[in-house]
């Protein structure tokens, strides 16, 4: 049986079909246009690292005032 290795670009673990990491892997294209893979745990680490900082009080007020204005024009809005 020939097994094709498809390592995670980040950690190097095998993500080929039949492995434990296959169901959650993501296919990405690198800068050279080659197809590569990233395993689910590495994707989760990237997403967690990219989470924005908490909103400042000023940003929160702007968001809430915009939502209030939108709600006034929505059907049934007051």
C-alpha atoms as a PDB file:
ATOM      1  CA  UNK A   1       0.000   0.000   0.000  1.00  0.00           C
ATOM      2  CA  UNK A   2       1.368   3.388  -0.993  1.00  0.00           C
ATOM      3  CA  UNK A   3       0.535   6.130   1.437  1.00  0.00           C
ATOM      4  CA  UNK A   4       0.773   9.716   0.300  1.00  0.00           C
ATOM      5  CA  UNK A   5       2.076  12.008   3.021  1.00  0.00           C
ATOM      6  CA  UNK A   6       0.380  15.361   3.209  1.00  0.00           C
ATOM      7  CA  UNK A   7       2.082  17.124   6.139  1.00  0.00           C
ATOM      8  CA  UNK A   8       0.672  20.127   7.939  1.00  0.00           C
ATOM      9  CA  UNK A   9       2.565  23.180   6.740  1.00  0.00           C
ATOM     10  CA  UNK A  10       2.804  24.475  10.301  1.00  0.00           C
ATOM     11  CA  UNK A  11       3.596  21.493  12.557  1.00  0.00           C
ATOM     12  CA  UNK A  12       4.532  18.781  10.037  1.00  0.00           C
ATOM     13  CA  UNK A  13       2.000  16.175  11.230  1.00  0.00           C
ATOM     14  CA  UNK A  14       0.494  14.001   8.482  1.00  0.00           C
ATOM     15  CA  UNK A  15      -2.982  15.136   7.354  1.00  0.00           C
ATOM     16  CA  UNK A  16      -3.511  12.577   4.538  1.00  0.00           C
ATOM     17  CA  UNK A  17      -6.810  10.757   4.076  1.00  0.00           C
ATOM     18  CA  UNK A  18      -7.220   8.116   6.754  1.00  0.00           C
ATOM     19  CA  UNK A  19      -5.277   9.989   9.417  1.00  0.00           C
ATOM     20  CA  UNK A  20      -6.820  11.461  12.546  1.00  0.00           C
ATOM     21  CA  UNK A  21      -6.092  15.006  11.350  1.00  0.00           C
ATOM     22  CA  UNK A  22      -7.725  14.607   7.918  1.00  0.00           C
ATOM     23  CA  UNK A  23     -11.323  15.621   8.806  1.00  0.00           C
ATOM     24  CA  UNK A  24     -10.353  19.054  10.168  1.00  0.00           C
ATOM     25  CA  UNK A  25      -7.520  19.961   7.825  1.00  0.00           C
ATOM     26  CA  UNK A  26      -7.637  23.049   5.623  1.00  0.00           C
ATOM     27  CA  UNK A  27      -6.231  23.252   2.133  1.00  0.00           C
ATOM     28  CA  UNK A  28      -4.256  26.416   1.428  1.00  0.00           C
ATOM     29  CA  UNK A  29      -2.201  27.691  -1.477  1.00  0.00           C
ATOM     30  CA  UNK A  30       1.278  28.967  -0.703  1.00  0.00           C
ATOM     31  CA  UNK A  31       2.988  31.946  -2.342  1.00  0.00           C
ATOM     32  CA  UNK A  32       4.297  29.729  -5.177  1.00  0.00           C
ATOM     33  CA  UNK A  33       0.807  28.434  -5.959  1.00  0.00           C
ATOM     34  CA  UNK A  34       1.435  24.983  -4.477  1.00  0.00           C
ATOM     35  CA  UNK A  35      -1.360  23.235  -2.602  1.00  0.00           C
ATOM     36  CA  UNK A  36      -0.500  22.661   1.047  1.00  0.00           C
ATOM     37  CA  UNK A  37      -2.436  21.634   4.136  1.00  0.00           C
ATOM     38  CA  UNK A  38      -2.853  22.916   7.689  1.00  0.00           C
ATOM     39  CA  UNK A  39      -4.218  20.623  10.413  1.00  0.00           C
ATOM     40  CA  UNK A  40      -7.224  21.566  12.542  1.00  0.00           C
ATOM     41  CA  UNK A  41      -5.275  22.282  15.765  1.00  0.00           C
ATOM     42  CA  UNK A  42      -2.918  24.653  13.897  1.00  0.00           C
ATOM     43  CA  UNK A  43      -5.898  26.417  12.290  1.00  0.00           C
ATOM     44  CA  UNK A  44      -7.403  26.900  15.755  1.00  0.00           C
ATOM     45  CA  UNK A  45      -4.149  28.400  17.032  1.00  0.00           C
ATOM     46  CA  UNK A  46      -4.058  30.849  14.115  1.00  0.00           C
ATOM     47  CA  UNK A  47      -7.681  31.890  14.637  1.00  0.00           C
ATOM     48  CA  UNK A  48      -7.108  32.374  18.372  1.00  0.00           C
ATOM     49  CA  UNK A  49      -4.032  34.501  17.693  1.00  0.00           C
ATOM     50  CA  UNK A  50      -5.987  36.723  15.288  1.00  0.00           C
ATOM     51  CA  UNK A  51      -8.856  37.492  17.654  1.00  0.00           C
ATOM     52  CA  UNK A  52      -9.235  41.237  17.944  1.00  0.00           C
ATOM     53  CA  UNK A  53      -8.599  43.075  21.151  1.00  0.00           C
ATOM     54  CA  UNK A  54     -11.634  43.922  23.272  1.00  0.00           C
ATOM     55  CA  UNK A  55     -13.605  46.963  22.114  1.00  0.00           C
ATOM     56  CA  UNK A  56     -12.775  50.261  23.719  1.00  0.00           C
ATOM     57  CA  UNK A  57     -15.597  52.134  25.461  1.00  0.00           C
ATOM     58  CA  UNK A  58     -15.730  54.606  22.562  1.00  0.00           C
ATOM     59  CA  UNK A  59     -15.966  51.836  19.935  1.00  0.00           C
ATOM     60  CA  UNK A  60     -18.669  50.093  21.967  1.00  0.00           C
ATOM     61  CA  UNK A  61     -20.728  53.340  22.181  1.00  0.00           C
ATOM     62  CA  UNK A  62     -20.433  53.822  18.395  1.00  0.00           C
ATOM     63  CA  UNK A  63     -21.545  50.250  17.769  1.00  0.00           C
ATOM     64  CA  UNK A  64     -24.482  50.539  20.157  1.00  0.00           C
ATOM     65  CA  UNK A  65     -25.633  53.887  18.743  1.00  0.00           C
ATOM     66  CA  UNK A  66     -25.471  52.483  15.205  1.00  0.00           C
ATOM     67  CA  UNK A  67     -27.536  49.486  16.271  1.00  0.00           C
ATOM     68  CA  UNK A  68     -30.100  51.770  17.929  1.00  0.00           C
ATOM     69  CA  UNK A  69     -30.448  53.851  14.753  1.00  0.00           C
ATOM     70  CA  UNK A  70     -30.801  50.706  12.625  1.00  0.00           C
ATOM     71  CA  UNK A  71     -33.434  49.330  15.001  1.00  0.00           C
ATOM     72  CA  UNK A  72     -35.478  52.520  14.672  1.00  0.00           C
ATOM     73  CA  UNK A  73     -35.878  51.924  10.919  1.00  0.00           C
ATOM     74  CA  UNK A  74     -36.496  48.185  11.155  1.00  0.00           C
ATOM     75  CA  UNK A  75     -40.070  46.894  10.907  1.00  0.00           C
ATOM     76  CA  UNK A  76     -41.637  47.191  14.352  1.00  0.00           C
ATOM     77  CA  UNK A  77     -38.815  49.474  15.518  1.00  0.00           C
ATOM     78  CA  UNK A  78     -39.526  52.210  18.027  1.00  0.00           C
END
